[in-house]
Amino acid sequence: MTGGTASRRMTGVVLALALLAGCSNANRVATGDLPLDTFTPQQIFERGEFEMERNREDRAAFYFSEIERLHPYSEWAKRALIMQAFAYHRDQDYENSRSAAQRYIDFYPADEDAAYAQYLLALSYYDQIDDVGRDQGLTFQALQSLRTVIETYPDSEYARSAVLKFDLAFDHLAAKEMEIGRYYLKRDHYTAAINRFRVVVEDFQTTSHTPEALHRLVEAYLSLGLTNEAQTAGAILGFNYRGTDWYEDSFKLLTGRGLELEAAGDNWLSQIYRQMLQGKWL
């Protein structure tokens, strides 16, 4: 082997070792070979982004939180805090996501990302509303947080989405009342059922459940022999929901007993019917 050849091979080995050393140093942020405080906040932030790209949200949240701890007053800490909230949310760690989002709102209320932080906070409640049968406390909290997005940041890109989710959450609460009302109705607990359906008609009248609630009121009141209330509920159905199957069902039920769908007597439904004629309901 000539001296020139040996020299070139040695140079190649040195370059290869240098490249490997460089890769090793870059990965030490991940392996913990070096303490994090030896790295710049930008390097730690980029490591968090690296973990996010590989769907390792828990690791990403760790790196973002370390920036907040090691460099609490830096611009990188602000950026890392909102990313921390996002990473936790994507990892379905809603409690920590909510905590990070709230800190962002508290520390940077006038920042352009404050609207997104509030939206993430609302989502931390909203995304846990998975079925009607669960406790509705989360739904109420979601509604309150979504309302804050809508009212505090009406011109933000998140306001429209918040409005849509607010309507869905509102509908969810009405669905819960309907579920309980049907439960009582099937067991002939008519007064208890009426109380639930009344809540839907009075408090959730803009939801998709109002026509059924009115029909169930017709059924319950007829079962109790309270024909005035049943007729008035049918009249409201005819006024607002004539094209629905619930109106057809109530029409058959009432006319089958020789009753008209008209406001009759003086009761809470009659008051609603009069308000409708004046354009004050729905």
Protein backbone atom coordinates (compact mmCIF):
# COMPACT_ATOMS: atom_id res chain seq x y z
CA MET A 1 0.00 0.00 0.00
CA THR A 2 1.43 3.34 -0.99
CA GLY A 3 1.75 6.22 1.43
CA GLY A 4 -0.74 8.30 -0.58
CA THR A 5 -3.37 5.57 -0.48
CA ALA A 6 -2.95 5.07 3.27
CA SER A 7 -3.22 8.79 3.85
CA ARG A 8 -6.47 9.04 1.86
CA ARG A 9 -7.98 6.10 3.77
CA MET A 10 -7.02 7.63 7.11
CA THR A 11 -8.62 10.92 6.08
CA GLY A 12 -11.81 9.05 5.18
CA VAL A 13 -11.89 7.35 8.56
CA VAL A 14 -11.42 10.64 10.37
CA LEU A 15 -14.27 12.27 8.41
CA ALA A 16 -16.58 9.33 9.10
CA LEU A 17 -15.81 9.49 12.80
CA ALA A 18 -16.44 13.24 12.78
CA LEU A 19 -19.84 12.75 11.16
CA LEU A 20 -20.79 10.07 13.67
CA ALA A 21 -19.72 12.31 16.51
CA GLY A 22 -21.87 15.12 15.16
CA CYS A 23 -24.93 12.88 14.96
CA SER A 24 -24.24 11.62 18.46
CA ASN A 25 -24.10 15.14 19.87
CA ALA A 26 -27.39 16.05 18.17
CA ASN A 27 -29.08 13.02 19.67
CA ARG A 28 -27.86 13.66 23.17
CA VAL A 29 -30.77 16.02 23.72
CA ALA A 30 -32.91 12.93 23.38
CA THR A 31 -30.76 10.34 25.16
CA GLY A 32 -29.90 12.49 28.16
CA ASP A 33 -26.11 12.02 27.78
CA LEU A 34 -25.80 15.76 28.37
CA PRO A 35 -27.95 17.82 30.75
CA LEU A 36 -30.56 19.91 29.00
CA ASP A 37 -29.23 23.14 30.43
CA THR A 38 -26.18 22.72 28.18
CA PHE A 39 -28.37 23.22 25.14
CA THR A 40 -29.94 26.43 23.87
CA PRO A 41 -33.72 26.86 24.16
CA GLN A 42 -33.92 26.74 20.38
CA GLN A 43 -32.20 23.34 20.30
CA ILE A 44 -34.57 21.96 22.94
CA PHE A 45 -37.54 23.43 21.08
CA GLU A 46 -36.43 21.79 17.85
CA ARG A 47 -36.13 18.48 19.70
CA GLY A 48 -39.74 18.91 20.84
CA GLU A 49 -40.80 19.51 17.26
CA PHE A 50 -38.83 16.43 16.22
CA GLU A 51 -40.78 14.32 18.74
CA MET A 52 -44.10 15.81 17.59
CA GLU A 53 -43.36 14.87 13.99
CA ARG A 54 -42.89 11.27 15.13
CA ASN A 55 -46.13 11.27 17.14
CA ARG A 56 -44.33 11.05 20.47
CA GLU A 57 -46.39 13.79 22.05
CA ASP A 58 -45.52 12.92 25.65
CA ARG A 59 -41.81 13.31 24.89
CA ALA A 60 -42.46 16.52 22.98
CA ALA A 61 -44.41 17.96 25.92
CA PHE A 62 -41.48 17.13 28.19
CA TYR A 63 -39.02 19.11 26.08
CA PHE A 64 -41.37 22.06 25.73
CA SER A 65 -41.94 22.08 29.49
CA GLU A 66 -38.19 22.03 30.11
CA ILE A 67 -37.80 25.23 28.10
CA GLU A 68 -40.39 26.84 30.35
CA ARG A 69 -38.43 25.65 33.39
CA LEU A 70 -34.92 26.47 32.21
CA HIS A 71 -35.63 29.70 30.31
CA PRO A 72 -38.84 31.04 31.88
CA TYR A 73 -38.65 34.61 30.59
CA SER A 74 -37.45 33.96 27.06
CA GLU A 75 -39.37 34.22 23.80
CA TRP A 76 -38.74 30.51 23.38
CA ALA A 77 -40.54 29.82 26.67
CA LYS A 78 -43.64 31.56 25.34
CA ARG A 79 -43.54 29.55 22.12
CA ALA A 80 -42.86 26.34 24.03
CA LEU A 81 -45.79 26.89 26.40
CA ILE A 82 -48.41 26.98 23.64
CA MET A 83 -46.75 23.98 22.00
CA GLN A 84 -46.80 22.20 25.34
CA ALA A 85 -50.57 22.72 25.57
CA PHE A 86 -50.97 21.44 22.00
CA ALA A 87 -48.75 18.38 22.59
CA TYR A 88 -50.62 17.41 25.75
CA HIS A 89 -53.95 17.80 23.98
CA ARG A 90 -52.88 15.63 21.07
CA ASP A 91 -51.74 13.05 23.60
CA GLN A 92 -55.23 13.26 25.19
CA ASP A 93 -53.70 14.42 28.46
CA TYR A 94 -56.46 16.96 28.85
CA GLU A 95 -55.70 18.06 32.40
CA ASN A 96 -52.11 19.04 31.60
CA SER A 97 -53.18 20.59 28.31
CA ARG A 98 -55.70 22.72 30.15
CA SER A 99 -53.10 23.72 32.74
CA ALA A 100 -50.57 24.80 30.09
CA ALA A 101 -53.20 26.68 28.10
CA GLN A 102 -54.39 28.52 31.20
CA ARG A 103 -50.83 29.55 32.08
CA TYR A 104 -50.42 30.92 28.58
CA ILE A 105 -53.60 32.98 28.94
CA ASP A 106 -52.49 34.23 32.36
CA PHE A 107 -48.96 35.16 31.24
CA TYR A 108 -49.65 36.41 27.71
CA PRO A 109 -53.29 37.58 27.56
CA ALA A 110 -52.63 40.07 24.76
CA ASP A 111 -50.55 37.73 22.62
CA GLU A 112 -51.88 36.63 19.23
CA ASP A 113 -51.84 32.98 20.35
CA ALA A 114 -54.01 33.69 23.42
CA ALA A 115 -57.11 32.92 21.34
CA TYR A 116 -55.66 29.54 20.41
CA ALA A 117 -54.78 28.86 24.05
CA GLN A 118 -58.38 29.58 25.07
CA TYR A 119 -59.62 27.38 22.24
CA LEU A 120 -57.36 24.51 23.39
CA LEU A 121 -58.66 24.98 26.93
CA ALA A 122 -62.24 24.66 25.65
CA LEU A 123 -61.32 21.60 23.58
CA SER A 124 -59.86 19.95 26.68
CA TYR A 125 -63.46 19.76 27.94
CA TYR A 126 -65.26 19.39 24.64
CA ASP A 127 -63.25 16.42 23.38
CA GLN A 128 -64.26 14.42 26.46
CA ILE A 129 -67.96 14.68 25.65
CA ASP A 130 -68.21 11.25 24.06
CA ASP A 131 -71.69 9.97 24.90
CA VAL A 132 -74.99 11.16 26.29
CA GLY A 133 -74.89 8.84 29.28
CA ARG A 134 -71.90 10.50 30.96
CA ASP A 135 -72.04 13.18 33.61
CA GLN A 136 -72.78 16.51 31.95
CA GLY A 137 -70.41 18.62 34.05
CA LEU A 138 -67.83 18.51 31.27
CA THR A 139 -70.43 19.72 28.80
CA PHE A 140 -71.24 22.75 30.95
CA GLN A 141 -67.55 23.54 31.30
CA ALA A 142 -67.06 23.17 27.55
CA LEU A 143 -69.94 25.57 26.91
CA GLN A 144 -68.50 28.16 29.27
CA SER A 145 -65.02 27.93 27.72
CA LEU A 146 -66.34 27.99 24.16
CA ARG A 147 -68.43 31.05 25.01
CA THR A 148 -65.25 32.76 26.21
CA VAL A 149 -63.60 32.10 22.83
CA ILE A 150 -66.63 33.46 21.00
CA GLU A 151 -67.03 36.58 23.14
CA THR A 152 -63.38 37.42 23.87
CA TYR A 153 -61.92 36.59 20.45
CA PRO A 154 -64.82 37.10 18.00
CA ASP A 155 -62.51 37.99 15.11
CA SER A 156 -60.11 35.09 15.60
CA GLU A 157 -59.91 32.11 13.28
CA TYR A 158 -61.18 29.92 16.12
CA ALA A 159 -64.43 31.78 16.77
CA ARG A 160 -66.41 30.07 14.00
CA SER A 161 -65.30 26.61 15.08
CA ALA A 162 -66.16 27.52 18.68
CA VAL A 163 -69.68 28.52 17.62
CA LEU A 164 -70.23 25.20 15.85
CA LYS A 165 -68.93 23.23 18.83
CA PHE A 166 -71.02 25.34 21.21
CA ASP A 167 -74.17 24.43 19.29
CA LEU A 168 -73.22 20.73 19.35
CA ALA A 169 -72.52 20.81 23.08
CA PHE A 170 -75.79 22.64 23.69
CA ASP A 171 -77.59 19.98 21.67
CA HIS A 172 -75.80 17.36 23.76
CA LEU A 173 -77.30 18.73 26.97
CA ALA A 174 -80.76 18.66 25.42
CA ALA A 175 -80.16 15.04 24.39
CA LYS A 176 -79.41 14.18 28.01
CA GLU A 177 -82.71 15.70 29.16
CA MET A 178 -84.52 13.77 26.44
CA GLU A 179 -82.87 10.52 27.47
CA ILE A 180 -84.00 10.93 31.07
CA GLY A 181 -87.46 12.06 29.99
CA ARG A 182 -87.93 8.97 27.82
CA TYR A 183 -86.77 6.79 30.70
CA TYR A 184 -89.51 8.20 32.94
CA LEU A 185 -92.12 8.11 30.20
CA LYS A 186 -91.56 4.40 29.50
CA ARG A 187 -92.08 3.69 33.19
CA ASP A 188 -95.26 5.77 33.36
CA HIS A 189 -93.67 8.40 35.57
CA TYR A 190 -95.46 11.09 33.61
CA THR A 191 -94.88 14.10 35.84
CA ALA A 192 -91.14 13.45 36.03
CA ALA A 193 -91.04 12.96 32.25
CA ILE A 194 -92.93 16.21 31.65
CA ASN A 195 -90.45 18.13 33.78
CA ARG A 196 -87.58 16.94 31.57
CA PHE A 197 -89.35 17.64 28.28
CA ARG A 198 -90.35 21.06 29.56
CA VAL A 199 -86.68 21.91 30.15
CA VAL A 200 -85.95 21.08 26.51
CA VAL A 201 -88.83 23.20 25.23
CA GLU A 202 -88.05 26.18 27.43
CA ASP A 203 -84.25 26.13 27.73
CA PHE A 204 -83.08 24.25 24.63
CA GLN A 205 -85.68 25.37 22.13
CA THR A 206 -83.13 26.00 19.37
CA THR A 207 -81.85 22.42 19.40
CA SER A 208 -82.88 19.52 17.19
CA HIS A 209 -84.68 17.84 20.10
CA THR A 210 -87.52 20.34 20.51
CA PRO A 211 -90.00 18.67 18.08
CA GLU A 212 -89.68 15.31 19.83
CA ALA A 213 -89.95 16.97 23.25
CA LEU A 214 -93.27 18.55 22.20
CA HIS A 215 -94.57 15.22 20.91
CA ARG A 216 -93.56 13.47 24.15
CA LEU A 217 -95.43 16.17 26.04
CA VAL A 218 -98.52 15.33 23.98
CA GLU A 219 -98.12 11.66 24.96
CA ALA A 220 -97.50 12.38 28.64
CA TYR A 221 -100.31 14.90 29.05
CA LEU A 222 -102.81 12.64 27.29
CA SER A 223 -101.80 9.82 29.62
CA LEU A 224 -102.61 12.10 32.57
CA GLY A 225 -105.89 13.23 31.01
CA LEU A 226 -104.66 16.82 30.64
CA THR A 227 -106.05 17.44 27.19
CA ASN A 228 -105.59 21.22 27.14
CA GLU A 229 -101.84 20.89 27.60
CA ALA A 230 -101.67 18.07 25.05
CA GLN A 231 -103.58 20.09 22.45
CA THR A 232 -101.40 23.15 22.99
CA ALA A 233 -98.20 21.13 22.61
CA GLY A 234 -99.63 19.81 19.36
CA ALA A 235 -100.48 23.35 18.24
CA ILE A 236 -96.88 24.46 18.81
CA LEU A 237 -95.70 21.49 16.76
CA GLY A 238 -98.06 22.47 13.97
CA PHE A 239 -96.90 26.08 14.08
CA ASN A 240 -93.16 25.43 13.95
CA TYR A 241 -92.58 21.82 12.89
CA ARG A 242 -95.41 20.85 10.58
CA GLY A 243 -93.05 19.04 8.21
CA THR A 244 -91.69 16.66 10.86
CA ASP A 245 -92.68 13.09 11.70
CA TRP A 246 -93.24 14.23 15.29
CA TYR A 247 -96.03 16.52 14.11
CA GLU A 248 -97.59 13.69 12.12
CA ASP A 249 -97.47 11.40 15.16
CA SER A 250 -99.04 14.01 17.42
CA PHE A 251 -101.68 14.83 14.82
CA LYS A 252 -102.76 11.16 14.64
CA LEU A 253 -102.67 10.80 18.40
CA LEU A 254 -104.81 13.87 19.10
CA THR A 255 -107.29 13.61 16.22
CA GLY A 256 -107.68 9.92 17.01
CA ARG A 257 -109.23 11.06 20.29
CA GLY A 258 -111.34 13.72 18.65
CA LEU A 259 -109.06 16.57 19.75
CA GLU A 260 -107.83 19.55 17.76
CA LEU A 261 -104.25 20.79 17.63
CA GLU A 262 -104.97 24.20 19.12
CA ALA A 263 -104.01 26.31 22.10
CA ALA A 264 -106.41 25.50 24.90
CA GLY A 265 -106.66 26.57 28.51
CA ASP A 266 -104.22 28.70 30.44
CA ASN A 267 -100.94 26.88 31.06
CA TRP A 268 -97.20 27.26 30.45
CA LEU A 269 -97.54 25.91 26.90
CA SER A 270 -100.31 28.41 26.11
CA GLN A 271 -97.98 31.21 27.14
CA ILE A 272 -95.30 29.88 24.79
CA TYR A 273 -97.87 29.63 21.99
CA ARG A 274 -98.90 33.26 22.48
CA GLN A 275 -95.25 34.33 22.50
CA MET A 276 -94.74 32.49 19.22
CA LEU A 277 -97.59 34.38 17.58
CA GLN A 278 -95.85 37.60 18.68
CA GLY A 279 -92.56 36.38 17.24
CA LYS A 280 -90.83 36.03 20.62
CA TRP A 281 -90.19 32.26 20.58
CA LEU A 282 -87.78 30.53 18.21
